[in-house]
Amino acid sequence: MTTAASVIILEGPDGGGKTTLARWLRDQRGYQIVKTNAPSLKENVFKSYTDSLLAAVESDQPTVLDRHYLGEGIYGPLLRGEDRLSRQGRDLLERLTAACGVRLVICSPPWAELVKGWAGKDDLLKRQAQLRQVRQAYLSEARRLGLEVYDWTRATAGPAPYLKATSSLPNGVTGYHTADVLFIGERAGKKTVVWDLPFHNVTGSARYLWDTLQSVNGWEERRGAWTNAFDAEGKPRALWMIVNALPRVRRVITLGEVADCECVRQGVNNVVVPHPQYWRRFHRNDMITYTKKLEDAIR
């Protein structure tokens, strides 16, 4: 029997079969179902999605999340006139899901079957044109992420192949198993960040680093993994172990002298670049130079 992931996110348009699949996971595999509603206007959207994702990952029981962060960028503009998560927020959450071995499944049958499943229900979408728009958006996301869409009308072997487990990275690491570049920061800032995760924030130095990487020639998110030299309590991470967990890494980039010194102490070869917080503070208007420093280090 295929081993299923401990956390599975189900996404897709109304009537796509998410609820049916979630119940199957509950009844056949013992998953708890957590339906993720869109955060209220008073909530910090990025924090809400991160908290609910980490709660599922840290749960003692396998969990299926019925919709999550991916739906924010699809339903938000359509129903509320905006995507409150932003592309950066989505990228950071995708780093976290990949590192934690969370399985993302997009559910959508052929159009005719989707309309049958949607018609007459008290769902989010009230018009067929909206349903078509949402379906196309999810199919586009599936192509971007390299996912095969789960179509219950054609899955003769059942849903199990779509739910198989993926390996996770060590604690304190976000990003992708395919990463060829590992970025090492110093330590999560307790005043601005509530999670012990590297650059997992949509403001401050995390935002500056993300913005800069968007300008680096040839950069793609799946090329990167991120960690900090020290955990939230100030204890050094086993950086050599993290490097060994990323078989494709060819370049380790330390962001700042503190991370550089810890790499040297542990015998990890690296290229040092100024910490984004330092550059943002003293060279705020010179992102071009910082971009060039990152490009040179990545090469």
Protein backbone atom coordinates (compact mmCIF):
# COMPACT_ATOMS: atom_id res chain seq x y z
CA MET A 1 0.00 0.00 0.00
CA THR A 2 1.28 3.46 -0.89
CA THR A 3 2.35 5.47 2.15
CA ALA A 4 0.41 8.73 2.22
CA ALA A 5 1.79 12.09 3.28
CA SER A 6 1.05 13.10 6.86
CA VAL A 7 -0.35 16.43 5.64
CA ILE A 8 -2.33 16.79 2.42
CA ILE A 9 -3.72 20.04 1.02
CA LEU A 10 -6.72 19.67 -1.27
CA GLU A 11 -7.35 22.52 -3.69
CA GLY A 12 -9.64 22.99 -6.65
CA PRO A 13 -12.85 24.64 -7.83
CA ASP A 14 -16.24 24.23 -6.18
CA GLY A 15 -17.68 20.83 -7.09
CA GLY A 16 -14.25 19.42 -7.96
CA GLY A 17 -14.42 16.52 -5.49
CA LYS A 18 -12.35 17.90 -2.59
CA THR A 19 -14.94 17.12 0.07
CA THR A 20 -15.46 13.59 -1.22
CA LEU A 21 -11.72 12.96 -1.26
CA ALA A 22 -11.31 14.46 2.21
CA ARG A 23 -13.99 12.11 3.57
CA TRP A 24 -12.29 9.16 1.90
CA LEU A 25 -9.03 10.12 3.62
CA ARG A 26 -10.85 10.38 6.93
CA ASP A 27 -12.75 7.09 6.60
CA GLN A 28 -10.08 4.98 4.89
CA ARG A 29 -6.82 6.43 6.23
CA GLY A 30 -7.73 8.06 9.55
CA TYR A 31 -7.07 11.67 8.59
CA GLN A 32 -8.61 14.56 10.46
CA ILE A 33 -10.25 17.13 8.19
CA VAL A 34 -9.49 20.82 8.72
CA LYS A 35 -11.44 23.17 6.50
CA THR A 36 -9.42 26.34 6.01
CA ASN A 37 -11.64 29.36 5.64
CA ALA A 38 -10.30 32.59 4.16
CA PRO A 39 -8.79 34.75 6.93
CA SER A 40 -10.93 37.68 8.04
CA LEU A 41 -10.13 41.22 7.00
CA LYS A 42 -8.70 41.84 10.48
CA GLU A 43 -6.25 38.94 10.30
CA ASN A 44 -2.69 38.86 9.00
CA VAL A 45 -3.25 36.54 6.02
CA PHE A 46 0.33 35.29 5.78
CA LYS A 47 0.47 34.55 9.50
CA SER A 48 -2.89 32.76 9.42
CA TYR A 49 -1.87 30.41 6.63
CA THR A 50 1.54 29.76 8.17
CA ASP A 51 0.05 29.02 11.59
CA SER A 52 -2.55 26.61 10.22
CA LEU A 53 0.03 24.84 8.06
CA LEU A 54 2.49 24.42 10.95
CA ALA A 55 -0.31 23.23 13.24
CA ALA A 56 -1.10 20.48 10.72
CA VAL A 57 2.56 19.53 10.29
CA GLU A 58 3.10 19.35 14.06
CA SER A 59 -0.12 17.45 14.75
CA ASP A 60 0.04 13.88 16.08
CA GLN A 61 -2.70 12.89 13.61
CA PRO A 62 -2.48 12.91 9.80
CA THR A 63 -4.34 15.95 8.52
CA VAL A 64 -6.08 16.94 5.32
CA LEU A 65 -6.51 20.67 4.77
CA ASP A 66 -9.59 21.42 2.70
CA ARG A 67 -8.29 24.46 0.79
CA HIS A 68 -5.37 26.59 1.89
CA TYR A 69 -3.02 29.33 0.67
CA LEU A 70 -3.24 28.50 -3.05
CA GLY A 71 -6.94 29.34 -3.10
CA GLU A 72 -6.28 32.83 -1.75
CA GLY A 73 -4.68 33.93 -5.01
CA ILE A 74 -7.53 32.45 -7.06
CA TYR A 75 -10.67 33.20 -5.04
CA GLY A 76 -9.40 36.43 -3.45
CA PRO A 77 -9.36 38.61 -6.59
CA LEU A 78 -12.64 37.13 -7.78
CA LEU A 79 -14.66 37.42 -4.56
CA ARG A 80 -12.89 40.20 -2.64
CA GLY A 81 -11.18 42.17 -5.40
CA GLU A 82 -7.62 41.40 -4.24
CA ASP A 83 -5.07 38.72 -3.43
CA ARG A 84 -4.19 39.57 0.16
CA LEU A 85 -1.40 37.00 0.30
CA SER A 86 0.76 38.34 -2.57
CA ARG A 87 3.18 36.42 -4.73
CA GLN A 88 5.91 36.63 -2.11
CA GLY A 89 3.65 35.16 0.56
CA ARG A 90 2.72 32.32 -1.76
CA ASP A 91 6.38 31.63 -2.58
CA LEU A 92 7.32 31.46 1.10
CA LEU A 93 4.45 29.11 1.89
CA GLU A 94 5.42 26.92 -1.05
CA ARG A 95 8.96 26.75 0.33
CA LEU A 96 7.54 25.60 3.65
CA THR A 97 5.17 23.00 2.20
CA ALA A 98 7.99 21.55 0.07
CA ALA A 99 10.40 21.36 3.01
CA CYS A 100 7.83 19.73 5.30
CA GLY A 101 6.83 17.08 2.75
CA VAL A 102 3.27 18.38 2.50
CA ARG A 103 1.35 16.92 -0.44
CA LEU A 104 -0.65 19.36 -2.59
CA VAL A 105 -3.47 17.83 -4.64
CA ILE A 106 -5.54 19.82 -7.12
CA CYS A 107 -8.95 18.26 -7.79
CA SER A 108 -10.85 18.98 -10.98
CA PRO A 109 -12.87 16.62 -13.21
CA PRO A 110 -13.84 17.42 -16.83
CA TRP A 111 -15.97 20.53 -17.27
CA ALA A 112 -19.31 18.73 -17.66
CA GLU A 113 -18.81 16.72 -14.48
CA LEU A 114 -17.61 19.80 -12.62
CA VAL A 115 -20.78 21.71 -13.52
CA LYS A 116 -22.90 18.79 -12.28
CA GLY A 117 -21.04 18.76 -8.97
CA TRP A 118 -21.35 22.52 -8.59
CA ALA A 119 -24.94 23.18 -9.75
CA GLY A 120 -27.41 24.02 -7.04
CA LYS A 121 -24.96 23.97 -4.19
CA ASP A 122 -24.46 26.83 -1.75
CA ASP A 123 -20.83 27.30 -2.76
CA LEU A 124 -18.60 30.35 -3.08
CA LEU A 125 -19.20 30.74 -6.80
CA LYS A 126 -22.65 31.79 -7.98
CA ARG A 127 -22.14 31.94 -11.75
CA GLN A 128 -20.86 29.40 -14.24
CA ALA A 129 -18.47 31.99 -15.70
CA GLN A 130 -16.83 32.29 -12.28
CA LEU A 131 -16.53 28.52 -12.05
CA ARG A 132 -14.81 28.36 -15.43
CA GLN A 133 -12.40 31.12 -14.44
CA VAL A 134 -11.48 29.37 -11.20
CA ARG A 135 -11.04 26.02 -12.92
CA GLN A 136 -8.68 27.52 -15.50
CA ALA A 137 -6.69 29.23 -12.74
CA TYR A 138 -6.24 25.95 -10.86
CA LEU A 139 -5.22 24.10 -14.03
CA SER A 140 -2.67 26.84 -14.68
CA GLU A 141 -1.30 26.44 -11.14
CA ALA A 142 -1.06 22.68 -11.65
CA ARG A 143 1.08 23.24 -14.75
CA ARG A 144 3.28 25.76 -12.92
CA LEU A 145 3.85 23.36 -10.03
CA GLY A 146 4.23 20.27 -12.20
CA LEU A 147 1.23 18.53 -10.61
CA GLU A 148 -1.05 15.96 -12.19
CA VAL A 149 -4.66 17.01 -11.55
CA TYR A 150 -6.76 14.48 -9.63
CA ASP A 151 -9.79 13.64 -11.77
CA TRP A 152 -12.04 11.23 -9.91
CA THR A 153 -13.77 10.20 -13.17
CA ARG A 154 -10.53 8.83 -14.63
CA ALA A 155 -8.56 7.68 -11.59
CA THR A 156 -9.21 3.96 -12.01
CA ALA A 157 -6.63 3.10 -9.34
CA GLY A 158 -8.29 5.44 -6.85
CA PRO A 159 -6.72 8.49 -5.19
CA ALA A 160 -3.78 6.74 -3.46
CA PRO A 161 -1.14 7.48 -6.17
CA TYR A 162 -1.88 11.20 -5.87
CA LEU A 163 -1.37 11.17 -2.10
CA LYS A 164 1.97 9.40 -1.74
CA ALA A 165 4.42 10.77 0.80
CA THR A 166 7.34 12.98 -0.13
CA SER A 167 10.52 13.33 1.91
CA SER A 168 11.03 16.31 4.20
CA LEU A 169 14.07 18.48 4.88
CA PRO A 170 15.67 18.92 8.36
CA ASN A 171 13.96 21.19 10.88
CA GLY A 172 14.68 24.85 10.34
CA VAL A 173 15.03 24.52 6.57
CA THR A 174 12.62 25.77 3.94
CA GLY A 175 12.82 25.30 0.20
CA TYR A 176 13.22 22.45 -2.23
CA HIS A 177 14.97 19.08 -2.43
CA THR A 178 16.01 20.12 -5.94
CA ALA A 179 17.90 23.16 -4.62
CA ASP A 180 21.35 23.82 -6.02
CA VAL A 181 21.87 26.90 -3.82
CA LEU A 182 21.61 26.98 -0.02
CA PHE A 183 21.26 30.38 1.67
CA ILE A 184 22.28 30.56 5.33
CA GLY A 185 21.19 33.51 7.45
CA GLU A 186 21.99 34.20 11.08
CA ARG A 187 19.00 33.70 13.36
CA ALA A 188 15.26 34.37 13.26
CA GLY A 189 14.55 37.78 14.77
CA LYS A 190 12.31 37.34 17.81
CA LYS A 191 10.95 40.87 17.57
CA THR A 192 9.65 40.52 14.02
CA VAL A 193 9.20 36.78 13.40
CA VAL A 194 7.14 34.35 15.47
CA TRP A 195 8.43 31.16 13.78
CA ASP A 196 11.91 29.69 13.87
CA LEU A 197 12.12 29.73 10.09
CA PRO A 198 14.66 31.42 7.78
CA PHE A 199 13.48 34.60 6.05
CA HIS A 200 9.85 33.52 6.49
CA ASN A 201 8.37 36.99 6.58
CA VAL A 202 6.80 39.37 4.06
CA THR A 203 8.53 42.45 5.45
CA GLY A 204 12.03 43.58 6.46
CA SER A 205 15.15 41.74 5.35
CA ALA A 206 13.13 38.74 4.14
CA ARG A 207 11.22 40.97 1.76
CA TYR A 208 14.41 42.68 0.61
CA LEU A 209 16.10 39.35 -0.13
CA TRP A 210 13.05 38.05 -2.00
CA ASP A 211 12.76 41.26 -4.04
CA THR A 212 16.45 41.12 -4.94
CA LEU A 213 16.32 37.49 -6.02
CA GLN A 214 13.52 38.35 -8.45
CA SER A 215 16.08 40.47 -10.32
CA VAL A 216 18.80 37.80 -10.45
CA ASN A 217 19.22 36.47 -13.98
CA GLY A 218 18.09 32.86 -14.30
CA TRP A 219 16.82 32.60 -10.74
CA GLU A 220 13.90 30.27 -9.99
CA GLU A 221 12.42 29.48 -6.58
CA ARG A 222 13.02 25.75 -6.92
CA ARG A 223 16.76 26.38 -7.11
CA GLY A 224 16.84 27.52 -3.48
CA ALA A 225 16.82 26.26 0.08
CA TRP A 226 17.08 28.50 3.16
CA THR A 227 18.19 28.03 6.75
CA ASN A 228 19.78 29.95 9.64
CA ALA A 229 23.13 29.24 11.28
CA PHE A 230 21.48 29.36 14.73
CA ASP A 231 18.04 28.39 15.98
CA ALA A 232 15.76 30.73 17.91
CA GLU A 233 17.49 29.82 21.19
CA GLY A 234 20.92 30.65 19.79
CA LYS A 235 22.08 27.05 19.37
CA PRO A 236 24.08 26.31 16.20
CA ARG A 237 22.40 24.18 13.56
CA ALA A 238 24.23 21.19 12.09
CA LEU A 239 24.91 22.94 8.79
CA TRP A 240 26.93 20.05 7.39
CA MET A 241 23.92 17.78 7.88
CA ILE A 242 21.67 20.24 6.07
CA VAL A 243 24.10 20.39 3.14
CA ASN A 244 24.16 16.59 2.99
CA ALA A 245 20.34 16.52 2.91
CA LEU A 246 20.42 18.56 -0.30
CA PRO A 247 22.21 16.33 -2.83
CA ARG A 248 22.14 18.87 -5.67
CA VAL A 249 23.58 21.82 -3.75
CA ARG A 250 26.68 23.19 -5.45
CA ARG A 251 26.84 26.60 -3.73
CA VAL A 252 26.39 27.63 -0.09
CA ILE A 253 25.86 31.37 0.35
CA THR A 254 26.16 32.82 3.83
CA LEU A 255 24.33 36.08 4.43
CA GLY A 256 26.49 38.05 6.84
CA GLU A 257 29.66 37.44 8.84
CA VAL A 258 27.95 35.56 11.69
CA ALA A 259 26.74 32.81 9.36
CA ASP A 260 30.09 32.81 7.57
CA CYS A 261 31.99 32.24 10.83
CA GLU A 262 29.71 29.34 11.78
CA CYS A 263 30.20 27.71 8.38
CA VAL A 264 33.96 28.03 8.77
CA ARG A 265 33.76 26.51 12.26
CA GLN A 266 31.81 23.53 10.91
CA GLY A 267 33.99 23.12 7.83
CA VAL A 268 31.28 24.07 5.32
CA ASN A 269 32.63 25.80 2.22
CA ASN A 270 30.69 28.95 1.43
CA VAL A 271 30.62 32.29 -0.33
CA VAL A 272 29.75 35.26 1.88
CA VAL A 273 27.38 38.07 0.85
CA PRO A 274 26.31 40.95 3.12
CA HIS A 275 23.19 40.25 5.14
CA PRO A 276 20.11 41.79 3.48
CA GLN A 277 19.27 43.61 6.70
CA TYR A 278 22.65 45.34 6.64
CA TRP A 279 22.37 46.22 2.95
CA ARG A 280 18.80 47.40 3.34
CA ARG A 281 19.79 49.68 6.23
CA PHE A 282 22.94 51.24 4.78
CA HIS A 283 22.46 50.89 1.01
CA ARG A 284 18.67 50.95 0.63
CA ASN A 285 18.75 52.69 -2.75
CA ASP A 286 21.42 50.44 -4.26
CA MET A 287 19.62 47.17 -4.91
CA ILE A 288 21.48 46.83 -8.22
CA THR A 289 24.80 46.25 -6.45
CA TYR A 290 23.25 43.75 -4.06
CA THR A 291 21.69 41.90 -6.98
CA LYS A 292 25.11 41.71 -8.63
CA LYS A 293 26.67 40.35 -5.42
CA LEU A 294 24.02 37.61 -5.28
CA GLU A 295 24.45 36.81 -8.98
CA ASP A 296 28.21 36.45 -8.58
CA ALA A 297 27.80 34.25 -5.51
CA ILE A 298 25.24 31.99 -7.19
CA ARG A 299 27.55 31.52 -10.17
